[in-house]
Amino acid sequence: MKSWYSAKLLFQSTINDASLGHPLCEESIRILLADTEEEARARAQRVGVAAQHEYQNEQNETVKWEFVSVVDIQEIDENSLVDGAEIYSELCRKD
């Protein structure tokens, strides 16, 4: 039986194939329907690769957004899919 999963994907940006200092990163949360967590992880990997893109910025430099990894997968209780429902959470400590 298929279940809903949230997938946290990490992307990194480079300009002209160089990451100057600290590269700009994006974490993106995607929702996937899959039979198992392993299938959801594989689908998330494909979604990440497919989302890679590049474009020319205003300075005519090539900006590339590259998929780095699937950071996390979490199963979502489909009964909780309502307006305002939490689909992903992460605990962290502040420095």
N, C-alpha and C. Protein backbone atom coordinates (compact mmCIF):
# COMPACT_ATOMS: atom_id res chain seq x y z
N MET A 1 0.84 -1.19 0.00
CA MET A 1 0.00 0.00 0.00
C MET A 1 0.89 1.25 0.00
N LYS A 2 0.56 2.18 -0.84
CA LYS A 2 1.37 3.40 -0.94
C LYS A 2 1.14 4.32 0.25
N SER A 3 2.22 4.99 0.65
CA SER A 3 2.17 5.97 1.73
C SER A 3 2.80 7.26 1.23
N TRP A 4 2.46 8.35 1.89
CA TRP A 4 3.08 9.64 1.58
C TRP A 4 4.37 9.77 2.38
N TYR A 5 5.38 10.36 1.74
CA TYR A 5 6.67 10.62 2.38
C TYR A 5 7.08 12.05 2.06
N SER A 6 7.77 12.67 3.01
CA SER A 6 8.42 13.94 2.71
C SER A 6 9.90 13.65 2.51
N ALA A 7 10.49 14.32 1.54
CA ALA A 7 11.90 14.15 1.24
C ALA A 7 12.57 15.51 1.31
N LYS A 8 13.64 15.59 2.08
CA LYS A 8 14.41 16.83 2.18
C LYS A 8 15.60 16.69 1.23
N LEU A 9 15.65 17.55 0.21
CA LEU A 9 16.69 17.51 -0.81
C LEU A 9 17.63 18.70 -0.64
N LEU A 10 18.91 18.48 -0.87
CA LEU A 10 19.91 19.54 -0.78
C LEU A 10 20.46 19.86 -2.16
N PHE A 11 20.44 21.15 -2.50
CA PHE A 11 20.99 21.65 -3.76
C PHE A 11 22.08 22.68 -3.44
N GLN A 12 23.03 22.82 -4.37
CA GLN A 12 24.12 23.80 -4.21
C GLN A 12 24.31 24.56 -5.50
N SER A 13 24.58 25.86 -5.35
CA SER A 13 24.76 26.72 -6.51
C SER A 13 26.23 27.04 -6.72
N THR A 14 26.63 27.07 -7.99
CA THR A 14 27.97 27.54 -8.35
C THR A 14 27.81 28.55 -9.49
N ILE A 15 28.78 29.45 -9.57
CA ILE A 15 28.81 30.42 -10.66
C ILE A 15 30.09 30.20 -11.45
N ASN A 16 29.93 30.01 -12.76
CA ASN A 16 31.06 29.71 -13.65
C ASN A 16 31.89 28.55 -13.11
N ASP A 17 31.21 27.49 -12.63
CA ASP A 17 31.83 26.27 -12.12
C ASP A 17 32.74 26.48 -10.92
N ALA A 18 32.55 27.57 -10.19
CA ALA A 18 33.36 27.81 -8.99
C ALA A 18 32.43 28.19 -7.84
N SER A 19 32.68 27.60 -6.68
CA SER A 19 31.93 28.01 -5.49
C SER A 19 32.84 28.94 -4.70
N LEU A 20 32.55 30.21 -4.79
CA LEU A 20 33.37 31.23 -4.16
C LEU A 20 33.07 31.27 -2.67
N GLY A 21 34.05 30.88 -1.84
CA GLY A 21 33.86 30.91 -0.40
C GLY A 21 32.82 29.91 0.04
N HIS A 22 31.71 30.41 0.52
CA HIS A 22 30.62 29.57 1.00
C HIS A 22 29.54 29.51 -0.07
N PRO A 23 29.35 28.34 -0.69
CA PRO A 23 28.35 28.25 -1.75
C PRO A 23 26.94 28.45 -1.21
N LEU A 24 26.08 28.97 -2.06
CA LEU A 24 24.68 29.13 -1.72
C LEU A 24 24.01 27.77 -1.84
N CYS A 25 23.29 27.38 -0.78
CA CYS A 25 22.61 26.08 -0.77
C CYS A 25 21.12 26.28 -0.57
N GLU A 26 20.37 25.30 -1.02
CA GLU A 26 18.92 25.30 -0.84
C GLU A 26 18.51 23.92 -0.35
N GLU A 27 17.67 23.90 0.68
CA GLU A 27 17.03 22.67 1.12
C GLU A 27 15.58 22.75 0.67
N SER A 28 15.13 21.72 -0.02
CA SER A 28 13.79 21.70 -0.59
C SER A 28 13.06 20.48 -0.04
N ILE A 29 11.82 20.68 0.41
CA ILE A 29 11.00 19.58 0.90
C ILE A 29 10.02 19.20 -0.19
N ARG A 30 10.02 17.92 -0.57
CA ARG A 30 9.13 17.40 -1.61
C ARG A 30 8.25 16.32 -1.00
N ILE A 31 7.05 16.17 -1.54
CA ILE A 31 6.12 15.13 -1.10
C ILE A 31 6.07 14.05 -2.18
N LEU A 32 6.21 12.80 -1.74
CA LEU A 32 6.25 11.67 -2.67
C LEU A 32 5.30 10.58 -2.20
N LEU A 33 4.72 9.86 -3.15
CA LEU A 33 3.86 8.72 -2.86
C LEU A 33 4.64 7.47 -3.26
N ALA A 34 4.86 6.56 -2.29
CA ALA A 34 5.67 5.38 -2.56
C ALA A 34 5.22 4.21 -1.68
N ASP A 35 5.62 3.00 -2.09
CA ASP A 35 5.28 1.79 -1.33
C ASP A 35 6.16 1.63 -0.09
N THR A 36 7.42 2.04 -0.17
CA THR A 36 8.37 1.86 0.93
C THR A 36 9.25 3.10 1.06
N GLU A 37 9.93 3.20 2.19
CA GLU A 37 10.87 4.31 2.38
C GLU A 37 12.00 4.24 1.35
N GLU A 38 12.45 3.03 1.03
CA GLU A 38 13.52 2.86 0.04
C GLU A 38 13.07 3.36 -1.33
N GLU A 39 11.83 3.05 -1.70
CA GLU A 39 11.30 3.54 -2.98
C GLU A 39 11.18 5.06 -2.95
N ALA A 40 10.74 5.62 -1.83
CA ALA A 40 10.64 7.08 -1.71
C ALA A 40 12.01 7.73 -1.84
N ARG A 41 13.04 7.12 -1.24
CA ARG A 41 14.40 7.67 -1.33
C ARG A 41 14.89 7.63 -2.78
N ALA A 42 14.64 6.53 -3.48
CA ALA A 42 15.05 6.43 -4.88
C ALA A 42 14.31 7.45 -5.75
N ARG A 43 13.04 7.62 -5.50
CA ARG A 43 12.26 8.61 -6.27
C ARG A 43 12.76 10.02 -5.95
N ALA A 44 13.07 10.29 -4.68
CA ALA A 44 13.58 11.61 -4.29
C ALA A 44 14.89 11.90 -5.01
N GLN A 45 15.74 10.90 -5.13
CA GLN A 45 17.01 11.04 -5.85
C GLN A 45 16.74 11.45 -7.30
N ARG A 46 15.78 10.78 -7.94
CA ARG A 46 15.44 11.11 -9.34
C ARG A 46 14.86 12.52 -9.46
N VAL A 47 14.01 12.89 -8.50
CA VAL A 47 13.44 14.24 -8.50
C VAL A 47 14.55 15.28 -8.36
N GLY A 48 15.50 15.03 -7.48
CA GLY A 48 16.62 15.96 -7.28
C GLY A 48 17.45 16.14 -8.53
N VAL A 49 17.80 15.03 -9.17
CA VAL A 49 18.60 15.09 -10.41
C VAL A 49 17.82 15.84 -11.49
N ALA A 50 16.52 15.57 -11.60
CA ALA A 50 15.71 16.22 -12.63
C ALA A 50 15.56 17.72 -12.38
N ALA A 51 15.69 18.15 -11.13
CA ALA A 51 15.51 19.56 -10.80
C ALA A 51 16.77 20.41 -11.03
N GLN A 52 17.89 19.78 -11.35
CA GLN A 52 19.11 20.53 -11.62
C GLN A 52 18.89 21.43 -12.83
N HIS A 53 19.46 22.62 -12.77
CA HIS A 53 19.32 23.53 -13.91
C HIS A 53 20.42 24.58 -13.88
N GLU A 54 20.53 25.29 -14.98
CA GLU A 54 21.49 26.40 -15.05
C GLU A 54 20.90 27.52 -15.87
N TYR A 55 21.44 28.72 -15.66
CA TYR A 55 20.97 29.90 -16.38
C TYR A 55 22.07 30.96 -16.36
N GLN A 56 21.91 31.96 -17.19
CA GLN A 56 22.84 33.10 -17.24
C GLN A 56 22.29 34.20 -16.33
N ASN A 57 23.13 34.72 -15.42
CA ASN A 57 22.69 35.82 -14.58
C ASN A 57 22.91 37.16 -15.29
N GLU A 58 22.64 38.24 -14.59
CA GLU A 58 22.74 39.58 -15.19
C GLU A 58 24.17 39.94 -15.60
N GLN A 59 25.16 39.30 -14.99
CA GLN A 59 26.56 39.54 -15.35
C GLN A 59 27.05 38.56 -16.42
N ASN A 60 26.10 37.85 -17.04
CA ASN A 60 26.38 36.86 -18.08
C ASN A 60 27.25 35.70 -17.58
N GLU A 61 27.13 35.40 -16.28
CA GLU A 61 27.82 34.26 -15.69
C GLU A 61 26.86 33.07 -15.68
N THR A 62 27.41 31.88 -15.80
CA THR A 62 26.58 30.68 -15.75
C THR A 62 26.37 30.26 -14.29
N VAL A 63 25.11 30.27 -13.87
CA VAL A 63 24.73 29.84 -12.53
C VAL A 63 24.18 28.43 -12.64
N LYS A 64 24.76 27.50 -11.89
CA LYS A 64 24.31 26.10 -11.90
C LYS A 64 23.76 25.74 -10.53
N TRP A 65 22.59 25.14 -10.53
CA TRP A 65 22.02 24.55 -9.32
C TRP A 65 22.13 23.05 -9.47
N GLU A 66 22.97 22.43 -8.61
CA GLU A 66 23.24 21.01 -8.69
C GLU A 66 22.65 20.28 -7.48
N PHE A 67 22.10 19.12 -7.74
CA PHE A 67 21.58 18.27 -6.67
C PHE A 67 22.75 17.67 -5.91
N VAL A 68 22.71 17.76 -4.57
CA VAL A 68 23.78 17.22 -3.75
C VAL A 68 23.38 15.87 -3.14
N SER A 69 22.22 15.84 -2.46
CA SER A 69 21.84 14.59 -1.80
C SER A 69 20.40 14.64 -1.29
N VAL A 70 19.90 13.44 -0.97
CA VAL A 70 18.66 13.30 -0.22
C VAL A 70 19.09 13.35 1.24
N VAL A 71 18.70 14.38 1.95
CA VAL A 71 19.12 14.56 3.34
C VAL A 71 18.32 13.67 4.27
N ASP A 72 17.01 13.57 4.04
CA ASP A 72 16.16 12.82 4.96
C ASP A 72 14.86 12.43 4.26
N ILE A 73 14.28 11.34 4.73
CA ILE A 73 12.96 10.87 4.28
C ILE A 73 12.12 10.65 5.54
N GLN A 74 10.89 11.14 5.54
CA GLN A 74 9.98 10.89 6.66
C GLN A 74 8.62 10.48 6.12
N GLU A 75 8.04 9.44 6.72
CA GLU A 75 6.70 9.01 6.34
C GLU A 75 5.70 10.00 6.91
N ILE A 76 4.65 10.29 6.14
CA ILE A 76 3.60 11.21 6.55
C ILE A 76 2.32 10.42 6.78
N ASP A 77 1.68 10.66 7.90
CA ASP A 77 0.38 10.04 8.17
C ASP A 77 -0.65 10.74 7.29
N GLU A 78 -1.17 10.01 6.28
CA GLU A 78 -2.08 10.65 5.32
C GLU A 78 -3.34 11.19 5.97
N ASN A 79 -3.71 10.67 7.14
CA ASN A 79 -4.89 11.20 7.84
C ASN A 79 -4.65 12.61 8.36
N SER A 80 -3.36 13.02 8.44
CA SER A 80 -3.06 14.36 8.94
C SER A 80 -2.86 15.37 7.81
N LEU A 81 -3.10 14.97 6.56
CA LEU A 81 -2.93 15.88 5.43
C LEU A 81 -4.15 16.80 5.32
N VAL A 82 -4.08 17.87 6.07
CA VAL A 82 -5.11 18.90 6.07
C VAL A 82 -4.42 20.25 6.00
N ASP A 83 -5.17 21.29 5.77
CA ASP A 83 -4.62 22.63 5.69
C ASP A 83 -3.81 22.94 6.95
N GLY A 84 -2.57 23.33 6.77
CA GLY A 84 -1.71 23.68 7.89
C GLY A 84 -0.99 22.50 8.53
N ALA A 85 -1.13 21.31 7.97
CA ALA A 85 -0.50 20.13 8.55
C ALA A 85 1.01 20.20 8.43
N GLU A 86 1.70 19.72 9.44
CA GLU A 86 3.15 19.63 9.41
C GLU A 86 3.54 18.43 8.57
N ILE A 87 4.39 18.63 7.58
CA ILE A 87 4.82 17.51 6.76
C ILE A 87 6.29 17.18 6.99
N TYR A 88 7.00 18.01 7.72
CA TYR A 88 8.41 17.74 7.98
C TYR A 88 8.80 18.49 9.24
N SER A 89 9.65 17.87 10.04
CA SER A 89 10.20 18.56 11.20
C SER A 89 11.62 18.10 11.43
N GLU A 90 12.42 18.94 12.04
CA GLU A 90 13.80 18.62 12.34
C GLU A 90 14.18 19.32 13.63
N LEU A 91 14.81 18.57 14.53
CA LEU A 91 15.26 19.16 15.78
C LEU A 91 16.69 19.66 15.60
N CYS A 92 17.00 20.80 16.17
CA CYS A 92 18.37 21.32 16.10
C CYS A 92 18.67 22.14 17.35
N ARG A 93 19.95 22.33 17.62
CA ARG A 93 20.39 23.17 18.74
C ARG A 93 21.00 24.44 18.16
N LYS A 94 20.70 25.56 18.78
CA LYS A 94 21.27 26.83 18.37
C LYS A 94 22.65 26.97 18.99
N ASP A 95 23.59 27.53 18.24
CA ASP A 95 24.94 27.76 18.76
C ASP A 95 24.95 28.86 19.77
